[in-house]
């Protein structure tokens, strides 16, 4: 009697976990957070004061000749 509800809960937990992993993988492929990009700009000595949107910050990084990858610890 309790097996069906338990299996349903297990199934739903697996669906949520798989969905979370897919979303995490998508985020990893698309780039870094704004904080990480600003860290890269700071490391290169570039100014970004007054820049509000992420696409503008990414543009500054790309104009500096660098990519969005790097060590952002």
PDB file of N, CA and C in Angstrom:
ATOM      1  N   UNK A   1       0.804  -1.184   0.000  1.00  0.00           N
ATOM      2  CA  UNK A   1       0.000   0.000   0.000  1.00  0.00           C
ATOM      3  C   UNK A   1       0.864   1.273   0.000  1.00  0.00           C
ATOM      4  N   UNK A   2       1.956   1.268   0.709  1.00  0.00           N
ATOM      5  CA  UNK A   2       2.833   2.428   0.780  1.00  0.00           C
ATOM      6  C   UNK A   2       3.849   2.455  -0.350  1.00  0.00           C
ATOM      7  N   UNK A   3       3.968   1.364  -1.095  1.00  0.00           N
ATOM      8  CA  UNK A   3       4.994   1.285  -2.137  1.00  0.00           C
ATOM      9  C   UNK A   3       4.725   2.230  -3.298  1.00  0.00           C
ATOM     10  N   UNK A   4       3.481   2.333  -3.738  1.00  0.00           N
ATOM     11  CA  UNK A   4       3.165   3.217  -4.867  1.00  0.00           C
ATOM     12  C   UNK A   4       3.469   4.687  -4.536  1.00  0.00           C
ATOM     13  N   UNK A   5       3.029   5.201  -3.402  1.00  0.00           N
ATOM     14  CA  UNK A   5       3.382   6.597  -3.080  1.00  0.00           C
ATOM     15  C   UNK A   5       4.892   6.795  -2.941  1.00  0.00           C
ATOM     16  N   UNK A   6       5.573   5.811  -2.369  1.00  0.00           N
ATOM     17  CA  UNK A   6       7.020   5.920  -2.216  1.00  0.00           C
ATOM     18  C   UNK A   6       7.708   5.930  -3.575  1.00  0.00           C
ATOM     19  N   UNK A   7       7.263   5.079  -4.501  1.00  0.00           N
ATOM     20  CA  UNK A   7       7.827   5.066  -5.847  1.00  0.00           C
ATOM     21  C   UNK A   7       7.535   6.364  -6.588  1.00  0.00           C
ATOM     22  N   UNK A   8       6.355   6.919  -6.385  1.00  0.00           N
ATOM     23  CA  UNK A   8       6.009   8.189  -7.006  1.00  0.00           C
ATOM     24  C   UNK A   8       6.913   9.305  -6.493  1.00  0.00           C
ATOM     25  N   UNK A   9       7.139   9.351  -5.200  1.00  0.00           N
ATOM     26  CA  UNK A   9       8.026  10.366  -4.619  1.00  0.00           C
ATOM     27  C   UNK A   9       9.447  10.184  -5.144  1.00  0.00           C
ATOM     28  N   UNK A  10       9.923   8.953  -5.224  1.00  0.00           N
ATOM     29  CA  UNK A  10      11.253   8.682  -5.761  1.00  0.00           C
ATOM     30  C   UNK A  10      11.348   9.113  -7.217  1.00  0.00           C
ATOM     31  N   UNK A  11      10.328   8.798  -8.005  1.00  0.00           N
ATOM     32  CA  UNK A  11      10.306   9.190  -9.405  1.00  0.00           C
ATOM     33  C   UNK A  11      10.354  10.714  -9.543  1.00  0.00           C
ATOM     34  N   UNK A  12       9.546  11.414  -8.780  1.00  0.00           N
ATOM     35  CA  UNK A  12       9.538  12.875  -8.851  1.00  0.00           C
ATOM     36  C   UNK A  12      10.877  13.471  -8.413  1.00  0.00           C
ATOM     37  N   UNK A  13      11.495  12.881  -7.403  1.00  0.00           N
ATOM     38  CA  UNK A  13      12.804  13.355  -6.956  1.00  0.00           C
ATOM     39  C   UNK A  13      13.849  13.169  -8.055  1.00  0.00           C
ATOM     40  N   UNK A  14      13.791  12.065  -8.769  1.00  0.00           N
ATOM     41  CA  UNK A  14      14.723  11.831  -9.875  1.00  0.00           C
ATOM     42  C   UNK A  14      14.487  12.818 -11.018  1.00  0.00           C
ATOM     43  N   UNK A  15      13.239  13.094 -11.326  1.00  0.00           N
ATOM     44  CA  UNK A  15      12.935  14.061 -12.381  1.00  0.00           C
ATOM     45  C   UNK A  15      13.469  15.444 -12.009  1.00  0.00           C
ATOM     46  N   UNK A  16      13.269  15.854 -10.773  1.00  0.00           N
ATOM     47  CA  UNK A  16      13.772  17.149 -10.318  1.00  0.00           C
ATOM     48  C   UNK A  16      15.296  17.173 -10.374  1.00  0.00           C
ATOM     49  N   UNK A  17      15.954  16.115  -9.931  1.00  0.00           N
ATOM     50  CA  UNK A  17      17.418  16.060  -9.939  1.00  0.00           C
ATOM     51  C   UNK A  17      17.961  16.119 -11.361  1.00  0.00           C
ATOM     52  N   UNK A  18      17.349  15.396 -12.271  1.00  0.00           N
ATOM     53  CA  UNK A  18      17.813  15.401 -13.661  1.00  0.00           C
ATOM     54  C   UNK A  18      17.598  16.777 -14.288  1.00  0.00           C
ATOM     55  N   UNK A  19      16.458  17.392 -14.017  1.00  0.00           N
ATOM     56  CA  UNK A  19      16.189  18.733 -14.530  1.00  0.00           C
ATOM     57  C   UNK A  19      17.205  19.730 -14.002  1.00  0.00           C
ATOM     58  N   UNK A  20      17.529  19.633 -12.731  1.00  0.00           N
ATOM     59  CA  UNK A  20      18.517  20.526 -12.127  1.00  0.00           C
ATOM     60  C   UNK A  20      19.884  20.348 -12.778  1.00  0.00           C
ATOM     61  N   UNK A  21      20.280  19.109 -13.025  1.00  0.00           N
ATOM     62  CA  UNK A  21      21.572  18.852 -13.664  1.00  0.00           C
ATOM     63  C   UNK A  21      21.619  19.388 -15.088  1.00  0.00           C
ATOM     64  N   UNK A  22      20.523  19.259 -15.813  1.00  0.00           N
ATOM     65  CA  UNK A  22      20.476  19.793 -17.180  1.00  0.00           C
ATOM     66  C   UNK A  22      20.600  21.313 -17.153  1.00  0.00           C
ATOM     67  N   UNK A  23      19.895  21.957 -16.241  1.00  0.00           N
ATOM     68  CA  UNK A  23      19.987  23.414 -16.120  1.00  0.00           C
ATOM     69  C   UNK A  23      21.397  23.843 -15.718  1.00  0.00           C
ATOM     70  N   UNK A  24      22.015  23.120 -14.827  1.00  0.00           N
ATOM     71  CA  UNK A  24      23.377  23.428 -14.409  1.00  0.00           C
ATOM     72  C   UNK A  24      24.334  23.303 -15.582  1.00  0.00           C
ATOM     73  N   UNK A  25      24.155  22.259 -16.375  1.00  0.00           N
ATOM     74  CA  UNK A  25      24.998  22.083 -17.560  1.00  0.00           C
ATOM     75  C   UNK A  25      24.813  23.206 -18.550  1.00  0.00           C
ATOM     76  N   UNK A  26      23.586  23.665 -18.728  1.00  0.00           N
ATOM     77  CA  UNK A  26      23.318  24.777 -19.634  1.00  0.00           C
ATOM     78  C   UNK A  26      23.990  26.048 -19.130  1.00  0.00           C
ATOM     79  N   UNK A  27      23.903  26.313 -17.826  1.00  0.00           N
ATOM     80  CA  UNK A  27      24.549  27.497 -17.266  1.00  0.00           C
ATOM     81  C   UNK A  27      26.055  27.434 -17.462  1.00  0.00           C
ATOM     82  N   UNK A  28      26.650  26.267 -17.256  1.00  0.00           N
ATOM     83  CA  UNK A  28      28.095  26.121 -17.371  1.00  0.00           C
ATOM     84  C   UNK A  28      28.564  26.415 -18.782  1.00  0.00           C
ATOM     85  N   UNK A  29      27.775  26.001 -19.795  1.00  0.00           N
ATOM     86  CA  UNK A  29      28.152  26.223 -21.180  1.00  0.00           C
ATOM     87  C   UNK A  29      27.963  27.672 -21.611  1.00  0.00           C
ATOM     88  N   UNK A  30      27.017  28.376 -21.017  1.00  0.00           N
ATOM     89  CA  UNK A  30      26.705  29.722 -21.482  1.00  0.00           C
ATOM     90  C   UNK A  30      27.598  30.793 -20.887  1.00  0.00           C
ATOM     91  N   UNK A  31      28.285  30.553 -19.823  1.00  0.00           N
ATOM     92  CA  UNK A  31      29.204  31.557 -19.314  1.00  0.00           C
ATOM     93  C   UNK A  31      29.182  31.723 -17.813  1.00  0.00           C
ATOM     94  N   UNK A  32      29.820  32.790 -17.410  1.00  0.00           N
ATOM     95  CA  UNK A  32      30.020  33.079 -15.997  1.00  0.00           C
ATOM     96  C   UNK A  32      28.973  34.063 -15.497  1.00  0.00           C
ATOM     97  N   UNK A  33      28.948  34.226 -14.203  1.00  0.00           N
ATOM     98  CA  UNK A  33      28.079  35.224 -13.600  1.00  0.00           C
ATOM     99  C   UNK A  33      28.693  36.605 -13.794  1.00  0.00           C
ATOM    100  N   UNK A  34      27.892  37.632 -13.582  1.00  0.00           N
ATOM    101  CA  UNK A  34      28.372  39.007 -13.698  1.00  0.00           C
ATOM    102  C   UNK A  34      29.503  39.258 -12.709  1.00  0.00           C
ATOM    103  N   UNK A  35      29.391  38.707 -11.512  1.00  0.00           N
ATOM    104  CA  UNK A  35      30.451  38.857 -10.512  1.00  0.00           C
ATOM    105  C   UNK A  35      31.772  38.290 -11.032  1.00  0.00           C
ATOM    106  N   UNK A  36      31.731  37.126 -11.656  1.00  0.00           N
ATOM    107  CA  UNK A  36      32.953  36.510 -12.171  1.00  0.00           C
ATOM    108  C   UNK A  36      33.552  37.327 -13.309  1.00  0.00           C
ATOM    109  N   UNK A  37      32.690  37.861 -14.181  1.00  0.00           N
ATOM    110  CA  UNK A  37      33.188  38.676 -15.291  1.00  0.00           C
ATOM    111  C   UNK A  37      33.825  39.960 -14.755  1.00  0.00           C
ATOM    112  N   UNK A  38      33.200  40.566 -13.751  1.00  0.00           N
ATOM    113  CA  UNK A  38      33.788  41.763 -13.139  1.00  0.00           C
ATOM    114  C   UNK A  38      35.118  41.446 -12.476  1.00  0.00           C
ATOM    115  N   UNK A  39      35.234  40.269 -11.907  1.00  0.00           N
ATOM    116  CA  UNK A  39      36.503  39.839 -11.317  1.00  0.00           C
ATOM    117  C   UNK A  39      37.584  39.767 -12.403  1.00  0.00           C
ATOM    118  N   UNK A  40      37.236  39.228 -13.571  1.00  0.00           N
ATOM    119  CA  UNK A  40      38.192  39.167 -14.683  1.00  0.00           C
ATOM    120  C   UNK A  40      38.577  40.571 -15.143  1.00  0.00           C
ATOM    121  N   UNK A  41      37.613  41.483 -15.214  1.00  0.00           N
ATOM    122  CA  UNK A  41      37.918  42.861 -15.603  1.00  0.00           C
ATOM    123  C   UNK A  41      38.839  43.520 -14.583  1.00  0.00           C
ATOM    124  N   UNK A  42      38.581  43.294 -13.293  1.00  0.00           N
ATOM    125  CA  UNK A  42      39.460  43.832 -12.245  1.00  0.00           C
ATOM    126  C   UNK A  42      40.870  43.294 -12.388  1.00  0.00           C
ATOM    127  N   UNK A  43      40.972  42.003 -12.673  1.00  0.00           N
ATOM    128  CA  UNK A  43      42.291  41.381 -12.812  1.00  0.00           C
ATOM    129  C   UNK A  43      43.070  41.977 -13.982  1.00  0.00           C
ATOM    130  N   UNK A  44      42.363  42.458 -14.991  1.00  0.00           N
ATOM    131  CA  UNK A  44      43.013  43.064 -16.162  1.00  0.00           C
ATOM    132  C   UNK A  44      43.157  44.578 -16.022  1.00  0.00           C
ATOM    133  N   UNK A  45      42.663  45.126 -14.925  1.00  0.00           N
ATOM    134  CA  UNK A  45      42.781  46.556 -14.687  1.00  0.00           C
ATOM    135  C   UNK A  45      41.833  47.392 -15.529  1.00  0.00           C
ATOM    136  N   UNK A  46      40.749  46.812 -15.988  1.00  0.00           N
ATOM    137  CA  UNK A  46      39.789  47.527 -16.827  1.00  0.00           C
ATOM    138  C   UNK A  46      38.692  48.145 -15.969  1.00  0.00           C
ATOM    139  N   UNK A  47      38.249  49.332 -16.342  1.00  0.00           N
ATOM    140  CA  UNK A  47      37.200  50.046 -15.615  1.00  0.00           C
ATOM    141  C   UNK A  47      35.831  49.678 -16.171  1.00  0.00           C
ATOM    142  N   UNK A  48      34.868  49.470 -15.302  1.00  0.00           N
ATOM    143  CA  UNK A  48      33.514  49.155 -15.728  1.00  0.00           C
ATOM    144  C   UNK A  48      32.482  49.960 -14.921  1.00  0.00           C
ATOM    145  N   UNK A  49      32.930  51.041 -14.313  1.00  0.00           N
ATOM    146  CA  UNK A  49      32.019  51.893 -13.526  1.00  0.00           C
ATOM    147  C   UNK A  49      30.934  52.457 -14.442  1.00  0.00           C
ATOM    148  N   UNK A  50      29.708  52.384 -14.007  1.00  0.00           N
ATOM    149  CA  UNK A  50      28.591  52.893 -14.782  1.00  0.00           C
ATOM    150  C   UNK A  50      27.993  51.894 -15.754  1.00  0.00           C
ATOM    151  N   UNK A  51      28.617  50.740 -15.902  1.00  0.00           N
ATOM    152  CA  UNK A  51      28.086  49.703 -16.791  1.00  0.00           C
ATOM    153  C   UNK A  51      27.114  48.856 -15.984  1.00  0.00           C
ATOM    154  N   UNK A  52      25.873  48.781 -16.450  1.00  0.00           N
ATOM    155  CA  UNK A  52      24.844  48.128 -15.664  1.00  0.00           C
ATOM    156  C   UNK A  52      24.433  46.761 -16.198  1.00  0.00           C
ATOM    157  N   UNK A  53      24.473  46.568 -17.499  1.00  0.00           N
ATOM    158  CA  UNK A  53      23.961  45.338 -18.078  1.00  0.00           C
ATOM    159  C   UNK A  53      25.076  44.329 -18.322  1.00  0.00           C
ATOM    160  N   UNK A  54      24.722  43.057 -18.147  1.00  0.00           N
ATOM    161  CA  UNK A  54      25.712  41.993 -18.291  1.00  0.00           C
ATOM    162  C   UNK A  54      26.287  41.965 -19.699  1.00  0.00           C
ATOM    163  N   UNK A  55      25.450  42.188 -20.715  1.00  0.00           N
ATOM    164  CA  UNK A  55      25.957  42.122 -22.093  1.00  0.00           C
ATOM    165  C   UNK A  55      26.997  43.210 -22.338  1.00  0.00           C
ATOM    166  N   UNK A  56      26.845  44.373 -21.687  1.00  0.00           N
ATOM    167  CA  UNK A  56      27.838  45.436 -21.819  1.00  0.00           C
ATOM    168  C   UNK A  56      29.145  45.062 -21.131  1.00  0.00           C
ATOM    169  N   UNK A  57      29.029  44.406 -19.979  1.00  0.00           N
ATOM    170  CA  UNK A  57      30.226  43.975 -19.257  1.00  0.00           C
ATOM    171  C   UNK A  57      30.962  42.915 -20.064  1.00  0.00           C
ATOM    172  N   UNK A  58      30.213  41.975 -20.657  1.00  0.00           N
ATOM    173  CA  UNK A  58      30.818  40.950 -21.510  1.00  0.00           C
ATOM    174  C   UNK A  58      31.481  41.613 -22.714  1.00  0.00           C
ATOM    175  N   UNK A  59      30.842  42.645 -23.270  1.00  0.00           N
ATOM    176  CA  UNK A  59      31.428  43.373 -24.396  1.00  0.00           C
ATOM    177  C   UNK A  59      32.756  44.007 -24.027  1.00  0.00           C
ATOM    178  N   UNK A  60      32.844  44.584 -22.828  1.00  0.00           N
ATOM    179  CA  UNK A  60      34.114  45.153 -22.364  1.00  0.00           C
ATOM    180  C   UNK A  60      35.199  44.087 -22.292  1.00  0.00           C
ATOM    181  N   UNK A  61      34.824  42.924 -21.780  1.00  0.00           N
ATOM    182  CA  UNK A  61      35.791  41.840 -21.664  1.00  0.00           C
ATOM    183  C   UNK A  61      36.245  41.371 -23.043  1.00  0.00           C
ATOM    184  N   UNK A  62      35.311  41.265 -23.974  1.00  0.00           N
ATOM    185  CA  UNK A  62      35.659  40.823 -25.329  1.00  0.00           C
ATOM    186  C   UNK A  62      36.509  41.878 -26.039  1.00  0.00           C
ATOM    187  N   UNK A  63      36.219  43.150 -25.823  1.00  0.00           N
ATOM    188  CA  UNK A  63      37.012  44.218 -26.439  1.00  0.00           C
ATOM    189  C   UNK A  63      38.435  44.236 -25.907  1.00  0.00           C
ATOM    190  N   UNK A  64      38.622  43.753 -24.712  1.00  0.00           N
ATOM    191  CA  UNK A  64      39.968  43.735 -24.138  1.00  0.00           C
ATOM    192  C   UNK A  64      40.815  42.622 -24.731  1.00  0.00           C
ATOM    193  N   UNK A  65      40.204  41.838 -25.618  1.00  0.00           N
ATOM    194  CA  UNK A  65      40.944  40.778 -26.286  1.00  0.00           C
ATOM    195  C   UNK A  65      40.903  39.465 -25.550  1.00  0.00           C
ATOM    196  N   UNK A  66      40.096  39.370 -24.519  1.00  0.00           N
ATOM    197  CA  UNK A  66      40.024  38.141 -23.744  1.00  0.00           C
ATOM    198  C   UNK A  66      38.720  37.441 -23.898  1.00  0.00           C
ATOM    199  N   UNK A  67      38.707  36.219 -23.467  1.00  0.00           N
ATOM    200  CA  UNK A  67      37.473  35.438 -23.484  1.00  0.00           C
ATOM    201  C   UNK A  67      36.825  35.518 -22.115  1.00  0.00           C
ATOM    202  N   UNK A  68      35.717  34.820 -21.957  1.00  0.00           N
ATOM    203  CA  UNK A  68      35.030  34.802 -20.671  1.00  0.00           C
ATOM    204  C   UNK A  68      35.555  33.721 -19.758  1.00  0.00           C
ATOM    205  N   UNK A  69      36.529  32.982 -20.188  1.00  0.00           N
ATOM    206  CA  UNK A  69      37.037  31.899 -19.359  1.00  0.00           C
ATOM    207  C   UNK A  69      38.207  32.400 -18.540  1.00  0.00           C
ATOM    208  N   UNK A  70      38.422  31.733 -17.439  1.00  0.00           N
ATOM    209  CA  UNK A  70      39.530  32.096 -16.590  1.00  0.00           C
ATOM    210  C   UNK A  70      39.310  31.604 -15.183  1.00  0.00           C
ATOM    211  N   UNK A  71      40.289  31.807 -14.347  1.00  0.00           N
ATOM    212  CA  UNK A  71      40.191  31.390 -12.972  1.00  0.00           C
ATOM    213  C   UNK A  71      39.524  32.484 -12.171  1.00  0.00           C
ATOM    214  N   UNK A  72      38.317  32.222 -11.705  1.00  0.00           N
ATOM    215  CA  UNK A  72      37.538  33.224 -10.985  1.00  0.00           C
ATOM    216  C   UNK A  72      37.363  32.847  -9.532  1.00  0.00           C
ATOM    217  N   UNK A  73      38.361  32.326  -8.897  1.00  0.00           N
ATOM    218  CA  UNK A  73      38.228  31.902  -7.504  1.00  0.00           C
ATOM    219  C   UNK A  73      38.166  33.055  -6.574  1.00  0.00           C
TER     220      UNK A  73
END
